[in-house]
Amino acid sequence: MTRPRTIRVRAYAKINLSLRVGALQADGFHPLQTVFQSLALHDTLQITPRPGPFELTCSDPGVPVDDRNLVTRAAQELWSAAGRAGEPRGVAVHLVKHIPIQAGLGGGSSDAASALSAFASLWRPRGARADVGAVAARLGSDVPYFLLGGTALGLSRGEELYPLEDLPAFSVVLALPAFGVATADAYRWFDEDRLTQPAAPRGPFGAISAWRGLPLALVNDLEAPVARRHADIAAAKRALEAAGAGAAAMTGSGSAVFGLFVRAAAARRAARAVAEAGFVSLLTRTVDRRTCQRVHFSFASSSPRHA
C-alpha cells in the first residue's frame, strides 16, 4: 500500500519596519500604515492527505489545535467556501513551531496563509467565495500579507497591500523578553496613552526610503505604550543598539524587538550580547518576495487531489 505523500510548507515570520496607528474608529479598529518585511525564521506545516476528519497537531503543546488556531479556521473557511458540506476532511496537519507566539512576528497568520495555499492545492476550490485571498482576509488582517511576502506597504487594517522594492538583505537579531503581549492589550494601551502622552513624531512615511544606507528611521506607535508597561522592551532595544544594530524597534504589538545588521558576523556577536543581557536571542535574516512566493506555488501543480 502506498503511503500518502506529505507536503511540507514553510510559513515565514515577519517584522514591521514601520507601524503608524490612527485613532480608534467607530468600527472598533485602528487605521494602520505599516511596512511589512519577511524573515527567514519560519514554522513548517507537514500536511498529509488521508481519509477521515481534519486533524491538527503541533510540536508546541502550548499552542491550541482547535478553532482558536488559524490553521484550523483556515481549513473550515476554505472547505465551506468551496461548497463542501460538514466539517473539513481528508487532511492531517502537523505544525512544527519555531516562530515565538505573542511576539508580533505573525506566526499564526503566516501558518494560516501557508495552510490555505496547501488546502487549495488539495481541494481545488472554485468560485468567488473560495478565492484564497478573500478567505485569507476573513481570517485576519495580517493573513493576506503572507500570501504576498517580501517588503510591502499595508494600509487600512493592514490588508490593503502594495508591494514595495524588496529591502536589501540584512541579518536580523530578535530579542525576546520572557513575556508575550496580546494584540488587544497593546492597542488598548495605545488608546489610553493617547489621552495623556505626547504622540510619536510624525515623520514622512517614506522614511524607510533611506534603505540603501543605515541607520533607518523606524517608528512603531505601539512601542512606547507597551514599553511603559514592560520595561524590558526598551532594555532589549538598548541592548541591540549597544551591540551595533543599524536600526532597532519593536515589531507589531510586541513583545519581540529586532535589530538590523549589514554584516552577518556583527549580527552573530550581537546575538550573543543580547543573550548575555538576559533575553532569548534568535538570529535570522530578511527574505525577499520571490522566496516567499515559492511557498505558495512550488507544490500546487504536483499535489494530488484528495477529498
Protein backbone atom coordinates (compact mmCIF):
# COMPACT_ATOMS: atom_id res chain seq x y z
CA MET A 1 0.00 0.00 0.00
CA THR A 2 1.41 3.39 -1.00
CA ARG A 3 1.72 5.85 1.84
CA PRO A 4 0.23 9.32 1.16
CA ARG A 5 2.79 11.95 0.29
CA THR A 6 3.35 14.59 2.95
CA ILE A 7 3.57 18.20 1.75
CA ARG A 8 5.99 20.35 3.77
CA VAL A 9 5.23 24.04 3.61
CA ARG A 10 7.18 26.89 5.20
CA ALA A 11 5.43 29.76 6.97
CA TYR A 12 7.80 32.73 7.24
CA ALA A 13 7.78 35.23 10.12
CA LYS A 14 7.55 38.99 9.59
CA ILE A 15 8.64 42.20 11.24
CA ASN A 16 7.11 45.66 10.89
CA LEU A 17 9.74 48.09 9.65
CA SER A 18 7.26 50.86 10.40
CA LEU A 19 3.88 50.88 12.11
CA ARG A 20 1.81 54.06 12.34
CA VAL A 21 -1.53 53.74 14.13
CA GLY A 22 -4.51 56.06 13.76
CA ALA A 23 -7.23 56.84 16.28
CA LEU A 24 -9.82 54.21 17.15
CA GLN A 25 -12.69 54.26 14.65
CA ALA A 26 -16.40 53.62 15.15
CA ASP A 27 -16.00 50.07 13.80
CA GLY A 28 -13.63 49.25 16.67
CA PHE A 29 -10.47 49.18 14.53
CA HIS A 30 -7.48 51.48 14.10
CA PRO A 31 -6.38 52.56 10.60
CA LEU A 32 -2.78 51.50 10.00
CA GLN A 33 0.16 52.39 7.81
CA THR A 34 2.78 49.69 8.06
CA VAL A 35 5.74 48.32 6.15
CA PHE A 36 5.97 44.54 6.42
CA GLN A 37 9.18 42.56 5.92
CA SER A 38 9.56 38.78 5.72
CA LEU A 39 12.16 36.87 7.72
CA ALA A 40 13.84 33.53 7.10
CA LEU A 41 12.63 32.34 10.53
CA HIS A 42 9.73 30.01 9.82
CA ASP A 43 7.30 27.40 11.05
CA THR A 44 6.78 24.25 9.00
CA LEU A 45 3.43 22.68 8.18
CA GLN A 46 3.55 18.96 7.43
CA ILE A 47 0.34 18.27 5.52
CA THR A 48 -0.68 14.69 4.75
CA PRO A 49 -3.71 13.79 2.61
CA ARG A 50 -5.59 10.91 4.26
CA PRO A 51 -9.14 9.67 4.69
CA GLY A 52 -11.05 10.86 7.72
CA PRO A 53 -11.71 14.11 9.59
CA PHE A 54 -9.33 17.05 9.53
CA GLU A 55 -6.72 16.89 12.31
CA LEU A 56 -4.19 19.45 13.52
CA THR A 57 -1.33 18.61 15.87
CA CYS A 58 1.54 20.83 16.98
CA SER A 59 5.09 20.39 18.24
CA ASP A 60 4.41 23.05 20.91
CA PRO A 61 1.92 21.74 23.48
CA GLY A 62 1.08 25.33 24.44
CA VAL A 63 -0.39 26.08 21.00
CA PRO A 64 -4.12 25.32 20.69
CA VAL A 65 -5.14 22.99 17.86
CA ASP A 66 -8.90 23.67 17.89
CA ASP A 67 -10.64 26.59 16.16
CA ARG A 68 -8.56 29.04 18.22
CA ASN A 69 -5.76 28.13 15.82
CA LEU A 70 -5.89 29.93 12.47
CA VAL A 71 -4.82 26.76 10.62
CA THR A 72 -7.98 25.01 11.82
CA ARG A 73 -10.05 28.05 10.93
CA ALA A 74 -8.39 28.21 7.51
CA ALA A 75 -9.44 24.63 6.85
CA GLN A 76 -13.00 25.35 7.97
CA GLU A 77 -13.30 28.56 5.96
CA LEU A 78 -11.90 27.20 2.71
CA TRP A 79 -13.88 23.94 2.99
CA SER A 80 -17.10 25.88 3.47
CA ALA A 81 -16.25 28.45 0.78
CA ALA A 82 -15.64 25.60 -1.66
CA GLY A 83 -19.22 24.46 -1.12
CA ARG A 84 -18.35 21.27 0.75
CA ALA A 85 -20.77 20.06 3.40
CA GLY A 86 -19.94 19.34 7.01
CA GLU A 87 -16.53 19.64 8.65
CA PRO A 88 -13.21 19.54 6.74
CA ARG A 89 -11.94 16.10 5.84
CA GLY A 90 -9.13 14.43 4.01
CA VAL A 91 -6.05 16.01 5.57
CA ALA A 92 -3.90 15.88 8.70
CA VAL A 93 -1.59 18.78 9.58
CA HIS A 94 1.36 18.72 11.96
CA LEU A 95 2.62 22.21 12.79
CA VAL A 96 6.29 22.48 13.75
CA LYS A 97 6.60 25.78 15.63
CA HIS A 98 9.73 27.92 15.58
CA ILE A 99 8.15 31.40 15.48
CA PRO A 100 7.51 32.58 19.06
CA ILE A 101 3.89 33.32 19.90
CA GLN A 102 2.58 36.72 21.12
CA ALA A 103 5.77 38.30 19.82
CA GLY A 104 4.50 40.43 16.92
CA LEU A 105 6.14 38.09 14.38
CA GLY A 106 2.94 36.95 12.68
CA GLY A 107 3.40 33.23 13.19
CA GLY A 108 -0.29 32.34 13.43
CA SER A 109 -1.23 34.42 10.40
CA SER A 110 1.65 33.03 8.36
CA ASP A 111 0.69 29.47 9.30
CA ALA A 112 -2.85 30.18 8.10
CA ALA A 113 -1.70 31.62 4.76
CA SER A 114 0.57 28.66 4.00
CA ALA A 115 -2.17 26.25 5.07
CA LEU A 116 -4.66 27.96 2.73
CA SER A 117 -2.32 27.53 -0.24
CA ALA A 118 -1.83 23.85 0.57
CA PHE A 119 -5.52 23.16 1.16
CA ALA A 120 -6.40 24.90 -2.11
CA SER A 121 -3.98 22.62 -3.97
CA LEU A 122 -5.63 19.57 -2.41
CA TRP A 123 -9.30 20.52 -2.53
CA ARG A 124 -9.34 22.55 -5.78
CA PRO A 125 -11.99 25.08 -4.65
CA ARG A 126 -13.88 27.00 -7.33
CA GLY A 127 -15.85 30.23 -7.38
CA ALA A 128 -15.53 33.71 -5.93
CA ARG A 129 -16.28 32.72 -2.33
CA ALA A 130 -13.49 30.14 -2.48
CA ASP A 131 -10.88 32.68 -3.58
CA VAL A 132 -7.87 32.11 -1.32
CA GLY A 133 -7.17 35.83 -0.94
CA ALA A 134 -10.75 36.53 0.14
CA VAL A 135 -10.66 33.68 2.64
CA ALA A 136 -7.33 34.99 3.98
CA ALA A 137 -8.87 38.43 4.59
CA ARG A 138 -11.72 36.85 6.55
CA LEU A 139 -9.25 35.06 8.80
CA GLY A 140 -7.33 38.16 9.91
CA SER A 141 -5.87 41.45 8.79
CA ASP A 142 -2.28 40.15 8.55
CA VAL A 143 -3.06 36.89 6.73
CA PRO A 144 -3.25 38.37 3.18
CA TYR A 145 0.26 39.82 3.57
CA PHE A 146 1.72 36.33 4.00
CA LEU A 147 0.35 35.32 0.60
CA LEU A 148 2.48 38.15 -0.82
CA GLY A 149 5.60 38.31 1.36
CA GLY A 150 8.77 40.34 0.96
CA THR A 151 8.63 44.09 1.60
CA ALA A 152 5.14 45.54 1.35
CA LEU A 153 3.10 48.54 2.41
CA GLY A 154 -0.08 47.70 4.34
CA LEU A 155 -2.93 50.19 4.76
CA SER A 156 -6.39 50.21 6.34
CA ARG A 157 -6.20 47.32 8.84
CA GLY A 158 -3.06 46.05 7.11
CA GLU A 159 -4.94 44.02 4.49
CA GLU A 160 -4.74 46.67 1.73
CA LEU A 161 -1.35 45.75 0.31
CA TYR A 162 1.13 47.34 -2.09
CA PRO A 163 4.36 45.51 -2.99
CA LEU A 164 7.48 47.61 -2.46
CA GLU A 165 11.01 47.19 -3.70
CA ASP A 166 12.48 44.42 -1.57
CA LEU A 167 14.66 45.55 1.30
CA PRO A 168 18.33 44.75 0.70
CA ALA A 169 19.49 41.67 2.56
CA PHE A 170 20.06 42.25 6.27
CA SER A 171 20.90 39.95 9.14
CA VAL A 172 18.30 40.27 11.87
CA VAL A 173 18.67 39.67 15.60
CA LEU A 174 15.48 39.16 17.56
CA ALA A 175 15.48 39.90 21.30
CA LEU A 176 12.61 38.19 23.10
CA PRO A 177 11.60 39.13 26.65
CA ALA A 178 10.20 36.48 28.97
CA PHE A 179 6.59 37.52 28.25
CA GLY A 180 4.23 37.85 25.33
CA VAL A 181 1.96 40.76 24.51
CA ALA A 182 -1.64 40.25 23.45
CA THR A 183 -2.51 42.41 20.45
CA ALA A 184 -5.70 43.65 22.11
CA ASP A 185 -3.72 44.83 25.14
CA ALA A 186 -1.22 46.77 23.02
CA TYR A 187 -3.95 48.67 21.19
CA ARG A 188 -5.85 49.33 24.42
CA TRP A 189 -2.71 50.81 25.98
CA PHE A 190 -2.19 52.90 22.85
CA ASP A 191 -5.72 54.31 23.22
CA GLU A 192 -5.24 55.01 26.93
CA ASP A 193 -1.91 56.78 26.38
CA ARG A 194 -3.19 59.00 23.57
CA LEU A 195 -5.11 60.93 26.24
CA THR A 196 -2.06 61.66 28.40
CA GLN A 197 1.13 61.09 26.40
CA PRO A 198 2.63 63.11 23.52
CA ALA A 199 2.37 61.43 20.14
CA ALA A 200 5.46 60.00 18.46
CA PRO A 201 6.94 62.37 15.85
CA ARG A 202 5.11 62.05 12.53
CA GLY A 203 7.99 61.90 10.13
CA PRO A 204 7.42 61.14 6.45
CA PHE A 205 6.06 57.65 5.98
CA GLY A 206 8.69 57.18 3.32
CA ALA A 207 11.49 57.39 5.89
CA ILE A 208 12.23 53.77 5.06
CA SER A 209 13.26 55.01 1.59
CA ALA A 210 16.74 55.51 3.06
CA TRP A 211 17.16 51.69 2.89
CA ARG A 212 20.39 51.97 0.95
CA GLY A 213 22.17 53.48 3.93
CA LEU A 214 21.81 52.91 7.65
CA PRO A 215 20.58 53.97 10.11
CA LEU A 216 16.97 53.51 9.10
CA ALA A 217 14.18 55.60 10.59
CA LEU A 218 11.91 53.00 12.21
CA VAL A 219 8.79 54.12 14.08
CA ASN A 220 6.27 51.85 15.82
CA ASP A 221 3.43 53.73 17.51
CA LEU A 222 2.70 50.74 19.75
CA GLU A 223 6.25 50.53 21.08
CA ALA A 224 6.03 53.35 23.65
CA PRO A 225 2.70 52.22 25.18
CA VAL A 226 3.97 48.64 25.51
CA ALA A 227 7.36 49.76 26.87
CA ARG A 228 5.63 51.86 29.54
CA ARG A 229 4.07 48.63 30.88
CA HIS A 230 7.06 46.40 30.16
CA ALA A 231 10.47 47.99 30.73
CA ASP A 232 12.19 45.04 29.06
CA ILE A 233 11.06 46.32 25.66
CA ALA A 234 13.22 49.43 26.00
CA ALA A 235 16.01 47.35 27.56
CA ALA A 236 16.00 44.94 24.61
CA LYS A 237 16.18 47.85 22.17
CA ARG A 238 19.09 49.38 24.07
CA ALA A 239 20.90 46.04 24.08
CA LEU A 240 20.56 45.74 20.29
CA GLU A 241 21.68 49.31 19.68
CA ALA A 242 24.64 48.87 22.02
CA ALA A 243 25.56 45.73 20.11
CA GLY A 244 25.78 47.71 16.87
CA ALA A 245 22.35 47.42 15.25
CA GLY A 246 21.93 49.94 12.45
CA ALA A 247 18.27 50.20 13.44
CA ALA A 248 16.15 48.59 16.14
CA ALA A 249 12.45 48.61 17.03
CA MET A 250 9.66 46.54 18.49
CA THR A 251 7.73 44.61 15.86
CA GLY A 252 3.95 44.74 15.66
CA SER A 253 2.31 44.68 19.08
CA GLY A 254 5.40 43.02 20.61
CA SER A 255 6.97 41.57 22.54
CA ALA A 256 9.86 40.87 20.11
CA VAL A 257 12.38 43.63 19.40
CA PHE A 258 14.51 43.38 16.26
CA GLY A 259 17.83 44.81 15.18
CA LEU A 260 19.09 45.07 11.58
CA PHE A 261 22.74 44.37 10.72
CA VAL A 262 24.56 44.72 7.41
CA ARG A 263 27.24 42.16 8.34
CA ALA A 264 26.43 38.64 9.46
CA ALA A 265 29.46 38.49 11.74
CA ALA A 266 28.28 41.60 13.60
CA ALA A 267 24.82 40.06 13.94
CA ARG A 268 26.28 36.89 15.43
CA ARG A 269 28.19 38.93 18.01
CA ALA A 270 25.06 40.94 18.77
CA ALA A 271 23.00 37.77 19.24
CA ARG A 272 25.47 36.61 21.88
CA ALA A 273 25.40 40.02 23.58
CA VAL A 274 21.60 40.07 23.66
CA ALA A 275 21.55 36.60 25.22
CA GLU A 276 24.08 37.70 27.84
CA ALA A 277 21.75 40.63 28.63
CA GLY A 278 19.09 38.12 29.65
CA PHE A 279 16.90 37.88 26.55
CA VAL A 280 16.11 34.94 24.32
CA SER A 281 18.08 35.70 21.17
CA LEU A 282 17.27 34.49 17.66
CA LEU A 283 19.48 35.11 14.64
CA THR A 284 17.81 35.22 11.25
CA ARG A 285 17.78 37.33 8.05
CA THR A 286 15.40 39.09 5.72
CA VAL A 287 13.99 37.22 2.73
CA ASP A 288 12.60 38.63 -0.49
CA ARG A 289 9.20 38.26 -2.11
CA ARG A 290 10.33 35.64 -4.61
CA THR A 291 11.46 33.36 -1.79
CA CYS A 292 8.11 33.74 -0.07
CA GLN A 293 6.15 33.15 -3.27
CA ARG A 294 7.81 29.78 -3.78
CA VAL A 295 5.92 28.56 -0.72
CA HIS A 296 2.58 29.13 -2.37
CA PHE A 297 3.34 27.83 -5.86
CA SER A 298 6.05 25.17 -5.61
CA PHE A 299 3.79 22.30 -4.63
CA ALA A 300 0.46 23.36 -6.15
CA SER A 301 0.92 21.80 -9.58
CA SER A 302 2.02 18.42 -8.26
CA SER A 303 -0.20 17.97 -5.20
CA PRO A 304 -2.80 15.21 -5.54
CA ARG A 305 -6.47 15.98 -5.24
CA HIS A 306 -7.96 14.36 -2.16
CA ALA A 307 -11.40 14.63 -0.62
